[in-house]
Amino acid sequence: MARLRSRTPFEGLLPITIGTVLVEEVVPGPVHLVATFAGQEAGVGRALGTGLSLAFPAPGQVTEGRDARAIWVAPGQALVFAADLPAIAHAAVTDQSDAFAICAVSGPDAAELLSRLVPVDLRPSAFPTGTTARTLVGHMTASVTAVENGIEIMVFRSMAGTLAEELSHAARHLAARRA
């Protein structure tokens, strides 16, 4: 009988260190898409606030709560990273735990590296911690979020290999230029 084994999206692909850039996998735990029903944003905000001390994020923002985080992904929609999501009567909630691949890009040249792939100014002065954007990384649709020590990139799980390859390729070119 075949034995199935759970694998993370970047297993065998990350971490990589090239030059001064480090790319590591982020394993987030449970992830839920919360899509508010029309006109019900306040009710969703109350449910998240009561259950997780978490505010529903404004466009382009990330909110933090008690053992939880919410990332804005579209108008009226957020990805909520929390082990125990409270019941939310004012939104459609779907489990997305296995849908995404997330990596963290850090190091002194992280913003320079990503400037080759992302059409958003990701320098800390323009994209401070707690800011997020739906954009492209290379040719892939992604969510890019500024975190304390770098940038987190989230793509669909099926794009994990492509993202690792794109980041590695760009990092090698940047390191060669620096040398």
C-alpha atoms as a PDB file:
ATOM      1  CA  MET A   1       0.000   0.000   0.000  1.00  0.00           C
ATOM      2  CA  ALA A   2       1.266   3.477  -0.871  1.00  0.00           C
ATOM      3  CA  ARG A   3       2.228   5.750   1.976  1.00  0.00           C
ATOM      4  CA  LEU A   4       1.230   9.345   1.472  1.00  0.00           C
ATOM      5  CA  ARG A   5       3.400  12.025   2.982  1.00  0.00           C
ATOM      6  CA  SER A   6       2.471  15.628   3.636  1.00  0.00           C
ATOM      7  CA  ARG A   7       4.772  18.155   1.957  1.00  0.00           C
ATOM      8  CA  THR A   8       5.059  21.888   2.300  1.00  0.00           C
ATOM      9  CA  PRO A   9       4.878  23.877  -0.958  1.00  0.00           C
ATOM     10  CA  PHE A  10       8.586  24.798  -0.977  1.00  0.00           C
ATOM     11  CA  GLU A  11       9.910  21.509   0.395  1.00  0.00           C
ATOM     12  CA  GLY A  12      13.278  20.809  -1.225  1.00  0.00           C
ATOM     13  CA  LEU A  13      13.320  24.275  -2.853  1.00  0.00           C
ATOM     14  CA  LEU A  14      13.941  26.626   0.069  1.00  0.00           C
ATOM     15  CA  PRO A  15      15.763  28.011   1.962  1.00  0.00           C
ATOM     16  CA  ILE A  16      18.231  29.636  -0.386  1.00  0.00           C
ATOM     17  CA  THR A  17      20.892  32.213   0.360  1.00  0.00           C
ATOM     18  CA  ILE A  18      22.472  34.035  -2.571  1.00  0.00           C
ATOM     19  CA  GLY A  19      24.619  37.069  -1.934  1.00  0.00           C
ATOM     20  CA  THR A  20      22.984  38.975   0.901  1.00  0.00           C
ATOM     21  CA  VAL A  21      19.465  37.689   0.191  1.00  0.00           C
ATOM     22  CA  LEU A  22      17.789  34.906   2.171  1.00  0.00           C
ATOM     23  CA  VAL A  23      14.563  33.280   0.953  1.00  0.00           C
ATOM     24  CA  GLU A  24      12.796  31.036   3.470  1.00  0.00           C
ATOM     25  CA  GLU A  25       9.494  29.201   3.496  1.00  0.00           C
ATOM     26  CA  VAL A  26       6.752  30.410   5.832  1.00  0.00           C
ATOM     27  CA  VAL A  27       4.372  27.701   7.042  1.00  0.00           C
ATOM     28  CA  PRO A  28       1.363  29.690   8.272  1.00  0.00           C
ATOM     29  CA  GLY A  29      -0.925  27.079   9.816  1.00  0.00           C
ATOM     30  CA  PRO A  30      -4.684  27.452   9.279  1.00  0.00           C
ATOM     31  CA  VAL A  31      -5.700  30.104   6.722  1.00  0.00           C
ATOM     32  CA  HIS A  32      -9.270  31.184   5.987  1.00  0.00           C
ATOM     33  CA  LEU A  33     -10.633  33.502   3.333  1.00  0.00           C
ATOM     34  CA  VAL A  34     -13.248  35.764   4.905  1.00  0.00           C
ATOM     35  CA  ALA A  35     -15.458  37.450   2.293  1.00  0.00           C
ATOM     36  CA  THR A  36     -17.966  39.845   3.818  1.00  0.00           C
ATOM     37  CA  PHE A  37     -21.542  39.868   2.616  1.00  0.00           C
ATOM     38  CA  ALA A  38     -22.671  43.195   1.108  1.00  0.00           C
ATOM     39  CA  GLY A  39     -23.036  45.818   3.805  1.00  0.00           C
ATOM     40  CA  GLN A  40     -21.979  43.448   6.602  1.00  0.00           C
ATOM     41  CA  GLU A  41     -18.425  44.657   7.198  1.00  0.00           C
ATOM     42  CA  ALA A  42     -19.245  45.936  10.699  1.00  0.00           C
ATOM     43  CA  GLY A  43     -20.633  42.545  11.765  1.00  0.00           C
ATOM     44  CA  VAL A  44     -17.538  40.761  10.485  1.00  0.00           C
ATOM     45  CA  GLY A  45     -15.352  43.271  12.305  1.00  0.00           C
ATOM     46  CA  ARG A  46     -17.245  42.638  15.568  1.00  0.00           C
ATOM     47  CA  ALA A  47     -16.919  38.850  15.209  1.00  0.00           C
ATOM     48  CA  LEU A  48     -13.175  39.037  14.558  1.00  0.00           C
ATOM     49  CA  GLY A  49     -12.692  41.587  17.324  1.00  0.00           C
ATOM     50  CA  THR A  50     -14.578  39.544  19.894  1.00  0.00           C
ATOM     51  CA  GLY A  51     -13.038  36.187  18.970  1.00  0.00           C
ATOM     52  CA  LEU A  52      -9.473  37.153  18.078  1.00  0.00           C
ATOM     53  CA  SER A  53      -8.960  40.809  19.088  1.00  0.00           C
ATOM     54  CA  LEU A  54      -8.453  41.339  15.364  1.00  0.00           C
ATOM     55  CA  ALA A  55      -9.738  44.175  13.189  1.00  0.00           C
ATOM     56  CA  PHE A  56     -10.825  43.525   9.602  1.00  0.00           C
ATOM     57  CA  PRO A  57      -8.009  45.075   7.531  1.00  0.00           C
ATOM     58  CA  ALA A  58      -8.461  48.203   5.463  1.00  0.00           C
ATOM     59  CA  PRO A  59      -7.371  48.047   1.803  1.00  0.00           C
ATOM     60  CA  GLY A  60      -3.622  47.497   1.541  1.00  0.00           C
ATOM     61  CA  GLN A  61      -3.229  46.786   5.261  1.00  0.00           C
ATOM     62  CA  VAL A  62      -2.457  43.933   7.654  1.00  0.00           C
ATOM     63  CA  THR A  63      -3.913  43.689  11.164  1.00  0.00           C
ATOM     64  CA  GLU A  64      -2.593  41.709  14.112  1.00  0.00           C
ATOM     65  CA  GLY A  65      -4.606  40.245  16.973  1.00  0.00           C
ATOM     66  CA  ARG A  66      -4.398  37.610  19.673  1.00  0.00           C
ATOM     67  CA  ASP A  67      -2.529  34.758  17.935  1.00  0.00           C
ATOM     68  CA  ALA A  68      -4.002  35.885  14.613  1.00  0.00           C
ATOM     69  CA  ARG A  69      -3.256  38.014  11.578  1.00  0.00           C
ATOM     70  CA  ALA A  70      -5.465  39.279   8.737  1.00  0.00           C
ATOM     71  CA  ILE A  71      -4.207  40.360   5.314  1.00  0.00           C
ATOM     72  CA  TRP A  72      -6.403  42.398   2.969  1.00  0.00           C
ATOM     73  CA  VAL A  73      -6.623  40.656  -0.427  1.00  0.00           C
ATOM     74  CA  ALA A  74      -9.552  42.339  -2.205  1.00  0.00           C
ATOM     75  CA  PRO A  75     -12.449  44.693  -1.441  1.00  0.00           C
ATOM     76  CA  GLY A  76     -14.354  43.086   1.449  1.00  0.00           C
ATOM     77  CA  GLN A  77     -12.002  40.103   1.585  1.00  0.00           C
ATOM     78  CA  ALA A  78      -9.153  39.126   3.868  1.00  0.00           C
ATOM     79  CA  LEU A  79      -7.069  36.067   4.573  1.00  0.00           C
ATOM     80  CA  VAL A  80      -7.200  35.321   8.289  1.00  0.00           C
ATOM     81  CA  PHE A  81      -4.350  33.313   9.779  1.00  0.00           C
ATOM     82  CA  ALA A  82      -5.694  31.842  13.025  1.00  0.00           C
ATOM     83  CA  ALA A  83      -5.972  28.413  14.627  1.00  0.00           C
ATOM     84  CA  ASP A  84      -9.440  29.020  16.075  1.00  0.00           C
ATOM     85  CA  LEU A  85     -11.553  31.197  13.813  1.00  0.00           C
ATOM     86  CA  PRO A  86     -14.776  32.303  15.514  1.00  0.00           C
ATOM     87  CA  ALA A  87     -18.163  31.790  13.859  1.00  0.00           C
ATOM     88  CA  ILE A  88     -18.812  34.662  11.460  1.00  0.00           C
ATOM     89  CA  ALA A  89     -22.441  35.001  10.424  1.00  0.00           C
ATOM     90  CA  HIS A  90     -21.867  38.016   8.143  1.00  0.00           C
ATOM     91  CA  ALA A  91     -19.355  36.478   5.716  1.00  0.00           C
ATOM     92  CA  ALA A  92     -18.539  33.494   3.556  1.00  0.00           C
ATOM     93  CA  VAL A  93     -15.602  31.683   5.147  1.00  0.00           C
ATOM     94  CA  THR A  94     -13.541  29.086   3.299  1.00  0.00           C
ATOM     95  CA  ASP A  95     -10.507  27.119   4.434  1.00  0.00           C
ATOM     96  CA  GLN A  96      -7.516  28.017   2.259  1.00  0.00           C
ATOM     97  CA  SER A  97      -4.813  26.351   4.373  1.00  0.00           C
ATOM     98  CA  ASP A  98      -3.363  24.289   1.506  1.00  0.00           C
ATOM     99  CA  ALA A  99      -3.998  26.802  -1.265  1.00  0.00           C
ATOM    100  CA  PHE A 100      -0.997  29.095  -0.899  1.00  0.00           C
ATOM    101  CA  ALA A 101       2.786  29.005  -0.812  1.00  0.00           C
ATOM    102  CA  ILE A 102       4.399  31.712   1.306  1.00  0.00           C
ATOM    103  CA  CYS A 103       8.046  32.705   1.469  1.00  0.00           C
ATOM    104  CA  ALA A 104       9.938  35.455   3.265  1.00  0.00           C
ATOM    105  CA  VAL A 105      12.623  37.426   1.438  1.00  0.00           C
ATOM    106  CA  SER A 106      15.089  39.226   3.692  1.00  0.00           C
ATOM    107  CA  GLY A 107      18.558  40.701   3.732  1.00  0.00           C
ATOM    108  CA  PRO A 108      20.151  44.015   2.783  1.00  0.00           C
ATOM    109  CA  ASP A 109      19.444  43.520  -0.936  1.00  0.00           C
ATOM    110  CA  ALA A 110      15.879  42.163  -0.620  1.00  0.00           C
ATOM    111  CA  ALA A 111      14.177  45.334  -1.922  1.00  0.00           C
ATOM    112  CA  GLU A 112      16.703  45.591  -4.786  1.00  0.00           C
ATOM    113  CA  LEU A 113      16.117  41.953  -5.714  1.00  0.00           C
ATOM    114  CA  LEU A 114      12.343  42.334  -5.664  1.00  0.00           C
ATOM    115  CA  SER A 115      12.507  45.541  -7.724  1.00  0.00           C
ATOM    116  CA  ARG A 116      13.481  43.256 -10.621  1.00  0.00           C
ATOM    117  CA  LEU A 117      10.292  41.192 -10.257  1.00  0.00           C
ATOM    118  CA  VAL A 118       7.599  43.328  -8.600  1.00  0.00           C
ATOM    119  CA  PRO A 119       6.106  46.532 -10.113  1.00  0.00           C
ATOM    120  CA  VAL A 120       5.664  48.083  -6.644  1.00  0.00           C
ATOM    121  CA  ASP A 121       8.210  50.169  -4.741  1.00  0.00           C
ATOM    122  CA  LEU A 122       9.023  47.831  -1.840  1.00  0.00           C
ATOM    123  CA  ARG A 123      11.631  49.985  -0.126  1.00  0.00           C
ATOM    124  CA  PRO A 124      10.709  50.369   3.574  1.00  0.00           C
ATOM    125  CA  SER A 125      10.208  54.122   3.115  1.00  0.00           C
ATOM    126  CA  ALA A 126       7.458  53.499   0.517  1.00  0.00           C
ATOM    127  CA  PHE A 127       6.120  50.139   1.737  1.00  0.00           C
ATOM    128  CA  PRO A 128       6.337  50.051   5.554  1.00  0.00           C
ATOM    129  CA  THR A 129       5.701  47.065   7.802  1.00  0.00           C
ATOM    130  CA  GLY A 130       1.999  46.203   7.848  1.00  0.00           C
ATOM    131  CA  THR A 131       1.424  47.160   4.217  1.00  0.00           C
ATOM    132  CA  THR A 132       0.243  44.642   1.630  1.00  0.00           C
ATOM    133  CA  ALA A 133      -0.447  44.713  -2.102  1.00  0.00           C
ATOM    134  CA  ARG A 134      -1.978  42.386  -4.665  1.00  0.00           C
ATOM    135  CA  THR A 135       0.433  42.581  -7.568  1.00  0.00           C
ATOM    136  CA  LEU A 136       2.653  40.538  -9.840  1.00  0.00           C
ATOM    137  CA  VAL A 137       5.905  38.775  -9.030  1.00  0.00           C
ATOM    138  CA  GLY A 138       7.378  38.062 -12.423  1.00  0.00           C
ATOM    139  CA  HIS A 139       4.320  36.801 -14.276  1.00  0.00           C
ATOM    140  CA  MET A 140       2.532  35.380 -11.199  1.00  0.00           C
ATOM    141  CA  THR A 141      -0.327  36.986  -9.297  1.00  0.00           C
ATOM    142  CA  ALA A 142       0.779  37.396  -5.693  1.00  0.00           C
ATOM    143  CA  SER A 143       0.136  39.053  -2.390  1.00  0.00           C
ATOM    144  CA  VAL A 144       3.217  40.939  -1.200  1.00  0.00           C
ATOM    145  CA  THR A 145       3.362  41.991   2.452  1.00  0.00           C
ATOM    146  CA  ALA A 146       5.950  44.025   4.361  1.00  0.00           C
ATOM    147  CA  VAL A 147       6.871  42.275   7.613  1.00  0.00           C
ATOM    148  CA  GLU A 148       9.306  43.163  10.384  1.00  0.00           C
ATOM    149  CA  ASN A 149      12.448  41.788   8.718  1.00  0.00           C
ATOM    150  CA  GLY A 150      11.612  41.756   5.021  1.00  0.00           C
ATOM    151  CA  ILE A 151       8.872  40.911   2.554  1.00  0.00           C
ATOM    152  CA  GLU A 152       6.489  37.955   2.505  1.00  0.00           C
ATOM    153  CA  ILE A 153       5.311  36.743  -0.881  1.00  0.00           C
ATOM    154  CA  MET A 154       2.217  34.571  -1.192  1.00  0.00           C
ATOM    155  CA  VAL A 155       1.340  32.794  -4.456  1.00  0.00           C
ATOM    156  CA  PHE A 156      -0.918  29.878  -5.304  1.00  0.00           C
ATOM    157  CA  ARG A 157       0.642  26.620  -4.178  1.00  0.00           C
ATOM    158  CA  SER A 158       1.010  25.435  -7.773  1.00  0.00           C
ATOM    159  CA  MET A 159       3.393  28.361  -8.396  1.00  0.00           C
ATOM    160  CA  ALA A 160       5.845  27.538  -5.562  1.00  0.00           C
ATOM    161  CA  GLY A 161       8.494  26.032  -7.848  1.00  0.00           C
ATOM    162  CA  THR A 162       8.235  28.891 -10.318  1.00  0.00           C
ATOM    163  CA  LEU A 163       8.508  31.502  -7.555  1.00  0.00           C
ATOM    164  CA  ALA A 164      11.574  29.809  -6.026  1.00  0.00           C
ATOM    165  CA  GLU A 165      13.197  29.663  -9.478  1.00  0.00           C
ATOM    166  CA  GLU A 166      12.391  33.322 -10.280  1.00  0.00           C
ATOM    167  CA  LEU A 167      13.759  34.535  -6.925  1.00  0.00           C
ATOM    168  CA  SER A 168      16.882  32.379  -7.258  1.00  0.00           C
ATOM    169  CA  HIS A 169      17.523  33.580 -10.806  1.00  0.00           C
ATOM    170  CA  ALA A 170      17.124  37.253  -9.885  1.00  0.00           C
ATOM    171  CA  ALA A 171      19.289  36.819  -6.759  1.00  0.00           C
ATOM    172  CA  ARG A 172      22.098  35.217  -8.785  1.00  0.00           C
ATOM    173  CA  HIS A 173      22.028  38.119 -11.234  1.00  0.00           C
ATOM    174  CA  LEU A 174      22.039  40.688  -8.436  1.00  0.00           C
ATOM    175  CA  ALA A 175      24.926  38.929  -6.652  1.00  0.00           C
ATOM    176  CA  ALA A 176      26.894  38.812  -9.919  1.00  0.00           C
ATOM    177  CA  ARG A 177      26.403  42.552 -10.396  1.00  0.00           C
ATOM    178  CA  ARG A 178      27.574  43.216  -6.854  1.00  0.00           C
ATOM    179  CA  ALA A 179      30.703  41.072  -7.367  1.00  0.00           C
END
